[in-house]
Protein backbone atom coordinates (compact mmCIF):
# COMPACT_ATOMS: atom_id res chain seq x y z
CA UNK A 1 0.00 0.00 0.00
CA UNK A 2 1.28 3.48 -0.85
CA UNK A 3 0.77 6.80 0.84
CA UNK A 4 0.31 10.08 -1.00
CA UNK A 5 -0.02 13.62 0.21
CA UNK A 6 -2.89 15.38 -1.50
CA UNK A 7 -3.79 19.06 -1.44
CA UNK A 8 -7.49 19.76 -1.88
CA UNK A 9 -9.43 23.00 -1.95
CA UNK A 10 -11.22 23.40 1.37
CA UNK A 11 -14.65 23.22 -0.30
CA UNK A 12 -13.84 19.88 -1.96
CA UNK A 13 -12.37 18.50 1.25
CA UNK A 14 -15.52 19.53 3.14
CA UNK A 15 -17.77 17.83 0.59
CA UNK A 16 -15.66 14.67 0.65
CA UNK A 17 -15.72 14.62 4.45
CA UNK A 18 -19.52 15.04 4.52
CA UNK A 19 -20.12 12.39 1.88
CA UNK A 20 -17.77 9.93 3.58
CA UNK A 21 -19.64 10.46 6.85
CA UNK A 22 -22.99 9.98 5.10
CA UNK A 23 -21.76 6.76 3.44
CA UNK A 24 -20.17 5.51 6.69
CA UNK A 25 -16.70 5.20 5.15
CA UNK A 26 -13.39 6.94 5.74
CA UNK A 27 -12.28 9.79 3.49
CA UNK A 28 -9.43 7.54 2.35
CA UNK A 29 -11.88 4.84 1.30
CA UNK A 30 -14.12 7.38 -0.45
CA UNK A 31 -11.22 8.86 -2.42
CA UNK A 32 -9.78 5.42 -3.24
CA UNK A 33 -13.15 4.25 -4.57
CA UNK A 34 -13.68 7.46 -6.55
CA UNK A 35 -10.22 7.16 -8.13
CA UNK A 36 -10.79 3.49 -8.96
CA UNK A 37 -14.12 4.33 -10.64
CA UNK A 38 -12.54 7.14 -12.69
CA UNK A 39 -9.62 4.97 -13.80
CA UNK A 40 -12.01 2.18 -14.74
CA UNK A 41 -14.08 4.55 -16.88
CA UNK A 42 -11.04 5.98 -18.65
CA UNK A 43 -9.44 2.59 -19.26
CA UNK A 44 -12.73 1.14 -20.52
CA UNK A 45 -13.06 4.02 -22.97
CA UNK A 46 -9.53 3.40 -24.27
CA UNK A 47 -10.22 -0.34 -24.56
CA UNK A 48 -13.42 0.23 -26.54
CA UNK A 49 -11.69 2.71 -28.86
CA UNK A 50 -8.98 0.13 -29.60
CA UNK A 51 -11.59 -2.58 -30.23
CA UNK A 52 -13.54 -0.25 -32.53
CA UNK A 53 -10.42 0.27 -34.67
CA UNK A 54 -10.37 -3.47 -35.36
CA UNK A 55 -13.99 -3.47 -36.49
CA UNK A 56 -15.03 -4.11 -40.08
CA UNK A 57 -18.14 -2.60 -41.63
CA UNK A 58 -18.15 -5.37 -44.27
CA UNK A 59 -18.13 -8.12 -41.63
CA UNK A 60 -20.82 -6.32 -39.64
CA UNK A 61 -23.10 -6.09 -42.66
CA UNK A 62 -22.45 -9.74 -43.49
CA UNK A 63 -23.59 -10.82 -40.02
CA UNK A 64 -26.53 -8.43 -40.08
CA UNK A 65 -27.68 -9.92 -43.37
CA UNK A 66 -28.19 -13.26 -41.58
CA UNK A 67 -30.88 -11.78 -39.33
CA UNK A 68 -34.40 -12.63 -40.43
CA UNK A 69 -36.64 -9.78 -41.55
CA UNK A 70 -39.48 -9.82 -39.04
CA UNK A 71 -41.40 -7.50 -36.76
CA UNK A 72 -39.93 -6.89 -33.29
CA UNK A 73 -41.57 -8.46 -30.24
CA UNK A 74 -44.20 -6.27 -28.57
CA UNK A 75 -41.88 -5.29 -25.70
CA UNK A 76 -39.09 -4.33 -28.14
CA UNK A 77 -41.00 -1.70 -30.07
CA UNK A 78 -40.02 1.93 -29.74
PDB file of N, CA and C in Angstrom:
ATOM      1  N   UNK A   1       0.848  -1.164   0.000  1.00  0.00           N
ATOM      2  CA  UNK A   1       0.000   0.000   0.000  1.00  0.00           C
ATOM      3  C   UNK A   1       0.898   1.233   0.000  1.00  0.00           C
ATOM      4  N   UNK A   2       0.508   2.238  -0.749  1.00  0.00           N
ATOM      5  CA  UNK A   2       1.280   3.476  -0.846  1.00  0.00           C
ATOM      6  C   UNK A   2       0.544   4.609  -0.149  1.00  0.00           C
ATOM      7  N   UNK A   3       1.317   5.605   0.225  1.00  0.00           N
ATOM      8  CA  UNK A   3       0.767   6.804   0.845  1.00  0.00           C
ATOM      9  C   UNK A   3       1.076   7.992  -0.043  1.00  0.00           C
ATOM     10  N   UNK A   4       0.073   8.841  -0.253  1.00  0.00           N
ATOM     11  CA  UNK A   4       0.311  10.075  -1.003  1.00  0.00           C
ATOM     12  C   UNK A   4      -0.188  11.258  -0.179  1.00  0.00           C
ATOM     13  N   UNK A   5       0.432  12.383  -0.414  1.00  0.00           N
ATOM     14  CA  UNK A   5      -0.018  13.625   0.207  1.00  0.00           C
ATOM     15  C   UNK A   5      -0.804  14.373  -0.851  1.00  0.00           C
ATOM     16  N   UNK A   6      -1.996  14.779  -0.515  1.00  0.00           N
ATOM     17  CA  UNK A   6      -2.893  15.376  -1.499  1.00  0.00           C
ATOM     18  C   UNK A   6      -3.402  16.716  -0.990  1.00  0.00           C
ATOM     19  N   UNK A   7      -3.268  17.745  -1.803  1.00  0.00           N
ATOM     20  CA  UNK A   7      -3.791  19.055  -1.436  1.00  0.00           C
ATOM     21  C   UNK A   7      -5.122  19.250  -2.140  1.00  0.00           C
ATOM     22  N   UNK A   8      -6.149  19.549  -1.348  1.00  0.00           N
ATOM     23  CA  UNK A   8      -7.491  19.761  -1.879  1.00  0.00           C
ATOM     24  C   UNK A   8      -7.972  21.157  -1.506  1.00  0.00           C
ATOM     25  N   UNK A   9      -8.768  21.764  -2.376  1.00  0.00           N
ATOM     26  CA  UNK A   9      -9.433  22.999  -1.954  1.00  0.00           C
ATOM     27  C   UNK A   9     -10.329  22.686  -0.758  1.00  0.00           C
ATOM     28  N   UNK A  10     -10.445  23.621   0.148  1.00  0.00           N
ATOM     29  CA  UNK A  10     -11.222  23.399   1.369  1.00  0.00           C
ATOM     30  C   UNK A  10     -12.656  22.964   1.061  1.00  0.00           C
ATOM     31  N   UNK A  11     -13.262  23.562   0.029  1.00  0.00           N
ATOM     32  CA  UNK A  11     -14.646  23.218  -0.298  1.00  0.00           C
ATOM     33  C   UNK A  11     -14.773  21.757  -0.739  1.00  0.00           C
ATOM     34  N   UNK A  12     -13.811  21.279  -1.506  1.00  0.00           N
ATOM     35  CA  UNK A  12     -13.836  19.885  -1.957  1.00  0.00           C
ATOM     36  C   UNK A  12     -13.591  18.936  -0.787  1.00  0.00           C
ATOM     37  N   UNK A  13     -12.664  19.314   0.074  1.00  0.00           N
ATOM     38  CA  UNK A  13     -12.374  18.502   1.250  1.00  0.00           C
ATOM     39  C   UNK A  13     -13.608  18.405   2.138  1.00  0.00           C
ATOM     40  N   UNK A  14     -14.308  19.523   2.317  1.00  0.00           N
ATOM     41  CA  UNK A  14     -15.519  19.531   3.140  1.00  0.00           C
ATOM     42  C   UNK A  14     -16.584  18.614   2.543  1.00  0.00           C
ATOM     43  N   UNK A  15     -16.777  18.689   1.229  1.00  0.00           N
ATOM     44  CA  UNK A  15     -17.775  17.831   0.588  1.00  0.00           C
ATOM     45  C   UNK A  15     -17.402  16.364   0.711  1.00  0.00           C
ATOM     46  N   UNK A  16     -16.120  16.055   0.535  1.00  0.00           N
ATOM     47  CA  UNK A  16     -15.660  14.667   0.654  1.00  0.00           C
ATOM     48  C   UNK A  16     -15.869  14.169   2.077  1.00  0.00           C
ATOM     49  N   UNK A  17     -15.554  14.993   3.044  1.00  0.00           N
ATOM     50  CA  UNK A  17     -15.720  14.618   4.454  1.00  0.00           C
ATOM     51  C   UNK A  17     -17.198  14.341   4.761  1.00  0.00           C
ATOM     52  N   UNK A  18     -18.079  15.217   4.275  1.00  0.00           N
ATOM     53  CA  UNK A  18     -19.515  15.043   4.521  1.00  0.00           C
ATOM     54  C   UNK A  18     -20.058  13.796   3.837  1.00  0.00           C
ATOM     55  N   UNK A  19     -19.643  13.566   2.595  1.00  0.00           N
ATOM     56  CA  UNK A  19     -20.124  12.385   1.879  1.00  0.00           C
ATOM     57  C   UNK A  19     -19.605  11.106   2.518  1.00  0.00           C
ATOM     58  N   UNK A  20     -18.338  11.112   2.919  1.00  0.00           N
ATOM     59  CA  UNK A  20     -17.771   9.931   3.583  1.00  0.00           C
ATOM     60  C   UNK A  20     -18.548   9.617   4.863  1.00  0.00           C
ATOM     61  N   UNK A  21     -18.875  10.657   5.617  1.00  0.00           N
ATOM     62  CA  UNK A  21     -19.638  10.457   6.852  1.00  0.00           C
ATOM     63  C   UNK A  21     -21.018   9.880   6.530  1.00  0.00           C
ATOM     64  N   UNK A  22     -21.663  10.443   5.502  1.00  0.00           N
ATOM     65  CA  UNK A  22     -22.995   9.980   5.103  1.00  0.00           C
ATOM     66  C   UNK A  22     -22.961   8.520   4.655  1.00  0.00           C
ATOM     67  N   UNK A  23     -21.890   8.128   3.958  1.00  0.00           N
ATOM     68  CA  UNK A  23     -21.759   6.762   3.440  1.00  0.00           C
ATOM     69  C   UNK A  23     -21.139   5.802   4.458  1.00  0.00           C
ATOM     70  N   UNK A  24     -20.776   6.317   5.616  1.00  0.00           N
ATOM     71  CA  UNK A  24     -20.174   5.508   6.686  1.00  0.00           C
ATOM     72  C   UNK A  24     -18.862   4.859   6.247  1.00  0.00           C
ATOM     73  N   UNK A  25     -18.029   5.653   5.558  1.00  0.00           N
ATOM     74  CA  UNK A  25     -16.701   5.195   5.152  1.00  0.00           C
ATOM     75  C   UNK A  25     -15.691   6.293   5.507  1.00  0.00           C
ATOM     76  N   UNK A  26     -14.431   5.934   5.496  1.00  0.00           N
ATOM     77  CA  UNK A  26     -13.388   6.939   5.741  1.00  0.00           C
ATOM     78  C   UNK A  26     -13.191   7.783   4.482  1.00  0.00           C
ATOM     79  N   UNK A  27     -12.602   8.951   4.657  1.00  0.00           N
ATOM     80  CA  UNK A  27     -12.284   9.788   3.490  1.00  0.00           C
ATOM     81  C   UNK A  27     -11.320   9.033   2.581  1.00  0.00           C
ATOM     82  N   UNK A  28     -10.374   8.327   3.164  1.00  0.00           N
ATOM     83  CA  UNK A  28      -9.430   7.544   2.350  1.00  0.00           C
ATOM     84  C   UNK A  28     -10.172   6.535   1.479  1.00  0.00           C
ATOM     85  N   UNK A  29     -11.120   5.831   2.065  1.00  0.00           N
ATOM     86  CA  UNK A  29     -11.878   4.836   1.303  1.00  0.00           C
ATOM     87  C   UNK A  29     -12.707   5.508   0.216  1.00  0.00           C
ATOM     88  N   UNK A  30     -13.324   6.646   0.532  1.00  0.00           N
ATOM     89  CA  UNK A  30     -14.120   7.381  -0.448  1.00  0.00           C
ATOM     90  C   UNK A  30     -13.261   7.807  -1.636  1.00  0.00           C
ATOM     91  N   UNK A  31     -12.099   8.386  -1.355  1.00  0.00           N
ATOM     92  CA  UNK A  31     -11.215   8.861  -2.424  1.00  0.00           C
ATOM     93  C   UNK A  31     -10.646   7.691  -3.224  1.00  0.00           C
ATOM     94  N   UNK A  32     -10.291   6.612  -2.549  1.00  0.00           N
ATOM     95  CA  UNK A  32      -9.777   5.425  -3.240  1.00  0.00           C
ATOM     96  C   UNK A  32     -10.824   4.862  -4.196  1.00  0.00           C
ATOM     97  N   UNK A  33     -12.066   4.773  -3.728  1.00  0.00           N
ATOM     98  CA  UNK A  33     -13.146   4.253  -4.567  1.00  0.00           C
ATOM     99  C   UNK A  33     -13.418   5.180  -5.743  1.00  0.00           C
ATOM    100  N   UNK A  34     -13.434   6.490  -5.479  1.00  0.00           N
ATOM    101  CA  UNK A  34     -13.678   7.460  -6.553  1.00  0.00           C
ATOM    102  C   UNK A  34     -12.577   7.385  -7.614  1.00  0.00           C
ATOM    103  N   UNK A  35     -11.338   7.267  -7.184  1.00  0.00           N
ATOM    104  CA  UNK A  35     -10.223   7.159  -8.128  1.00  0.00           C
ATOM    105  C   UNK A  35     -10.316   5.866  -8.933  1.00  0.00           C
ATOM    106  N   UNK A  36     -10.649   4.772  -8.267  1.00  0.00           N
ATOM    107  CA  UNK A  36     -10.789   3.486  -8.965  1.00  0.00           C
ATOM    108  C   UNK A  36     -11.889   3.556 -10.015  1.00  0.00           C
ATOM    109  N   UNK A  37     -13.014   4.191  -9.683  1.00  0.00           N
ATOM    110  CA  UNK A  37     -14.117   4.327 -10.640  1.00  0.00           C
ATOM    111  C   UNK A  37     -13.699   5.167 -11.837  1.00  0.00           C
ATOM    112  N   UNK A  38     -12.988   6.265 -11.599  1.00  0.00           N
ATOM    113  CA  UNK A  38     -12.543   7.141 -12.690  1.00  0.00           C
ATOM    114  C   UNK A  38     -11.552   6.411 -13.588  1.00  0.00           C
ATOM    115  N   UNK A  39     -10.592   5.724 -13.001  1.00  0.00           N
ATOM    116  CA  UNK A  39      -9.624   4.967 -13.796  1.00  0.00           C
ATOM    117  C   UNK A  39     -10.318   3.896 -14.625  1.00  0.00           C
ATOM    118  N   UNK A  40     -11.271   3.215 -14.028  1.00  0.00           N
ATOM    119  CA  UNK A  40     -12.008   2.182 -14.743  1.00  0.00           C
ATOM    120  C   UNK A  40     -12.732   2.767 -15.950  1.00  0.00           C
ATOM    121  N   UNK A  41     -13.364   3.913 -15.767  1.00  0.00           N
ATOM    122  CA  UNK A  41     -14.083   4.553 -16.875  1.00  0.00           C
ATOM    123  C   UNK A  41     -13.128   4.949 -17.994  1.00  0.00           C
ATOM    124  N   UNK A  42     -12.006   5.548 -17.635  1.00  0.00           N
ATOM    125  CA  UNK A  42     -11.042   5.984 -18.652  1.00  0.00           C
ATOM    126  C   UNK A  42     -10.421   4.797 -19.382  1.00  0.00           C
ATOM    127  N   UNK A  43     -10.059   3.764 -18.636  1.00  0.00           N
ATOM    128  CA  UNK A  43      -9.440   2.593 -19.265  1.00  0.00           C
ATOM    129  C   UNK A  43     -10.442   1.840 -20.129  1.00  0.00           C
ATOM    130  N   UNK A  44     -11.695   1.794 -19.716  1.00  0.00           N
ATOM    131  CA  UNK A  44     -12.725   1.142 -20.520  1.00  0.00           C
ATOM    132  C   UNK A  44     -12.913   1.884 -21.825  1.00  0.00           C
ATOM    133  N   UNK A  45     -12.917   3.204 -21.769  1.00  0.00           N
ATOM    134  CA  UNK A  45     -13.057   4.018 -22.972  1.00  0.00           C
ATOM    135  C   UNK A  45     -11.909   3.742 -23.945  1.00  0.00           C
ATOM    136  N   UNK A  46     -10.693   3.702 -23.426  1.00  0.00           N
ATOM    137  CA  UNK A  46      -9.528   3.402 -24.271  1.00  0.00           C
ATOM    138  C   UNK A  46      -9.652   2.010 -24.891  1.00  0.00           C
ATOM    139  N   UNK A  47     -10.062   1.033 -24.084  1.00  0.00           N
ATOM    140  CA  UNK A  47     -10.220  -0.340 -24.562  1.00  0.00           C
ATOM    141  C   UNK A  47     -11.231  -0.402 -25.701  1.00  0.00           C
ATOM    142  N   UNK A  48     -12.378   0.262 -25.512  1.00  0.00           N
ATOM    143  CA  UNK A  48     -13.420   0.233 -26.542  1.00  0.00           C
ATOM    144  C   UNK A  48     -12.973   0.939 -27.819  1.00  0.00           C
ATOM    145  N   UNK A  49     -12.215   2.027 -27.679  1.00  0.00           N
ATOM    146  CA  UNK A  49     -11.688   2.709 -28.864  1.00  0.00           C
ATOM    147  C   UNK A  49     -10.752   1.785 -29.649  1.00  0.00           C
ATOM    148  N   UNK A  50      -9.900   1.062 -28.938  1.00  0.00           N
ATOM    149  CA  UNK A  50      -8.985   0.132 -29.604  1.00  0.00           C
ATOM    150  C   UNK A  50      -9.755  -0.994 -30.293  1.00  0.00           C
ATOM    151  N   UNK A  51     -10.777  -1.527 -29.618  1.00  0.00           N
ATOM    152  CA  UNK A  51     -11.595  -2.579 -30.231  1.00  0.00           C
ATOM    153  C   UNK A  51     -12.319  -2.064 -31.465  1.00  0.00           C
ATOM    154  N   UNK A  52     -12.803  -0.832 -31.403  1.00  0.00           N
ATOM    155  CA  UNK A  52     -13.537  -0.249 -32.532  1.00  0.00           C
ATOM    156  C   UNK A  52     -12.630  -0.117 -33.761  1.00  0.00           C
ATOM    157  N   UNK A  53     -11.364   0.151 -33.545  1.00  0.00           N
ATOM    158  CA  UNK A  53     -10.419   0.271 -34.670  1.00  0.00           C
ATOM    159  C   UNK A  53     -10.273  -1.044 -35.423  1.00  0.00           C
ATOM    160  N   UNK A  54     -10.505  -2.155 -34.727  1.00  0.00           N
ATOM    161  CA  UNK A  54     -10.375  -3.471 -35.358  1.00  0.00           C
ATOM    162  C   UNK A  54     -11.660  -3.901 -36.059  1.00  0.00           C
ATOM    163  N   UNK A  55     -12.706  -3.110 -35.912  1.00  0.00           N
ATOM    164  CA  UNK A  55     -13.994  -3.465 -36.493  1.00  0.00           C
ATOM    165  C   UNK A  55     -13.990  -3.386 -38.014  1.00  0.00           C
ATOM    166  N   UNK A  56     -14.911  -4.090 -38.620  1.00  0.00           N
ATOM    167  CA  UNK A  56     -15.030  -4.108 -40.075  1.00  0.00           C
ATOM    168  C   UNK A  56     -16.496  -3.910 -40.460  1.00  0.00           C
ATOM    169  N   UNK A  57     -16.774  -2.858 -41.189  1.00  0.00           N
ATOM    170  CA  UNK A  57     -18.141  -2.596 -41.633  1.00  0.00           C
ATOM    171  C   UNK A  57     -18.648  -3.743 -42.510  1.00  0.00           C
ATOM    172  N   UNK A  58     -17.782  -4.274 -43.373  1.00  0.00           N
ATOM    173  CA  UNK A  58     -18.149  -5.372 -44.265  1.00  0.00           C
ATOM    174  C   UNK A  58     -18.568  -6.600 -43.470  1.00  0.00           C
ATOM    175  N   UNK A  59     -17.791  -6.963 -42.455  1.00  0.00           N
ATOM    176  CA  UNK A  59     -18.131  -8.125 -41.631  1.00  0.00           C
ATOM    177  C   UNK A  59     -19.423  -7.884 -40.857  1.00  0.00           C
ATOM    178  N   UNK A  60     -19.606  -6.663 -40.354  1.00  0.00           N
ATOM    179  CA  UNK A  60     -20.825  -6.320 -39.636  1.00  0.00           C
ATOM    180  C   UNK A  60     -22.041  -6.508 -40.537  1.00  0.00           C
ATOM    181  N   UNK A  61     -21.971  -5.984 -41.739  1.00  0.00           N
ATOM    182  CA  UNK A  61     -23.103  -6.094 -42.663  1.00  0.00           C
ATOM    183  C   UNK A  61     -23.360  -7.533 -43.063  1.00  0.00           C
ATOM    184  N   UNK A  62     -22.298  -8.335 -43.160  1.00  0.00           N
ATOM    185  CA  UNK A  62     -22.454  -9.744 -43.493  1.00  0.00           C
ATOM    186  C   UNK A  62     -23.210 -10.480 -42.382  1.00  0.00           C
ATOM    187  N   UNK A  63     -22.887 -10.196 -41.146  1.00  0.00           N
ATOM    188  CA  UNK A  63     -23.586 -10.819 -40.021  1.00  0.00           C
ATOM    189  C   UNK A  63     -25.013 -10.304 -39.948  1.00  0.00           C
ATOM    190  N   UNK A  64     -25.194  -9.015 -40.138  1.00  0.00           N
ATOM    191  CA  UNK A  64     -26.526  -8.435 -40.076  1.00  0.00           C
ATOM    192  C   UNK A  64     -27.446  -9.010 -41.145  1.00  0.00           C
ATOM    193  N   UNK A  65     -26.890  -9.350 -42.281  1.00  0.00           N
ATOM    194  CA  UNK A  65     -27.683  -9.918 -43.369  1.00  0.00           C
ATOM    195  C   UNK A  65     -28.266 -11.284 -42.998  1.00  0.00           C
ATOM    196  N   UNK A  66     -27.704 -11.945 -42.006  1.00  0.00           N
ATOM    197  CA  UNK A  66     -28.188 -13.256 -41.580  1.00  0.00           C
ATOM    198  C   UNK A  66     -29.433 -13.151 -40.694  1.00  0.00           C
ATOM    199  N   UNK A  67     -29.736 -11.954 -40.214  1.00  0.00           N
ATOM    200  CA  UNK A  67     -30.880 -11.776 -39.330  1.00  0.00           C
ATOM    201  C   UNK A  67     -32.158 -11.779 -40.160  1.00  0.00           C
ATOM    202  N   UNK A  68     -33.141 -12.553 -39.715  1.00  0.00           N
ATOM    203  CA  UNK A  68     -34.401 -12.632 -40.432  1.00  0.00           C
ATOM    204  C   UNK A  68     -35.132 -11.300 -40.392  1.00  0.00           C
ATOM    205  N   UNK A  69     -35.846 -11.004 -41.461  1.00  0.00           N
ATOM    206  CA  UNK A  69     -36.638  -9.784 -41.547  1.00  0.00           C
ATOM    207  C   UNK A  69     -38.004 -10.060 -40.929  1.00  0.00           C
ATOM    208  N   UNK A  70     -38.197  -9.590 -39.704  1.00  0.00           N
ATOM    209  CA  UNK A  70     -39.476  -9.818 -39.035  1.00  0.00           C
ATOM    210  C   UNK A  70     -39.746  -8.676 -38.072  1.00  0.00           C
ATOM    211  N   UNK A  71     -40.984  -8.562 -37.682  1.00  0.00           N
ATOM    212  CA  UNK A  71     -41.400  -7.504 -36.764  1.00  0.00           C
ATOM    213  C   UNK A  71     -40.810  -7.770 -35.373  1.00  0.00           C
ATOM    214  N   UNK A  72     -40.472  -6.701 -34.658  1.00  0.00           N
ATOM    215  CA  UNK A  72     -39.935  -6.889 -33.291  1.00  0.00           C
ATOM    216  C   UNK A  72     -41.038  -7.363 -32.349  1.00  0.00           C
ATOM    217  N   UNK A  73     -40.621  -8.020 -31.272  1.00  0.00           N
ATOM    218  CA  UNK A  73     -41.569  -8.458 -30.244  1.00  0.00           C
ATOM    219  C   UNK A  73     -42.239  -7.218 -29.643  1.00  0.00           C
ATOM    220  N   UNK A  74     -43.419  -7.397 -29.094  1.00  0.00           N
ATOM    221  CA  UNK A  74     -44.199  -6.270 -28.573  1.00  0.00           C
ATOM    222  C   UNK A  74     -43.389  -5.421 -27.579  1.00  0.00           C
ATOM    223  N   UNK A  75     -42.663  -6.040 -26.693  1.00  0.00           N
ATOM    224  CA  UNK A  75     -41.881  -5.288 -25.703  1.00  0.00           C
ATOM    225  C   UNK A  75     -40.659  -4.594 -26.282  1.00  0.00           C
ATOM    226  N   UNK A  76     -40.282  -4.915 -27.516  1.00  0.00           N
ATOM    227  CA  UNK A  76     -39.093  -4.329 -28.135  1.00  0.00           C
ATOM    228  C   UNK A  76     -39.391  -3.151 -29.047  1.00  0.00           C
ATOM    229  N   UNK A  77     -40.639  -2.807 -29.176  1.00  0.00           N
ATOM    230  CA  UNK A  77     -41.003  -1.698 -30.068  1.00  0.00           C
ATOM    231  C   UNK A  77     -40.652  -0.365 -29.398  1.00  0.00           C
ATOM    232  N   UNK A  78     -40.307   0.583 -30.244  1.00  0.00           N
ATOM    233  CA  UNK A  78     -40.019   1.933 -29.742  1.00  0.00           C
ATOM    234  C   UNK A  78     -41.277   2.736 -29.605  1.00  0.00           C
TER     235      UNK A  78
END
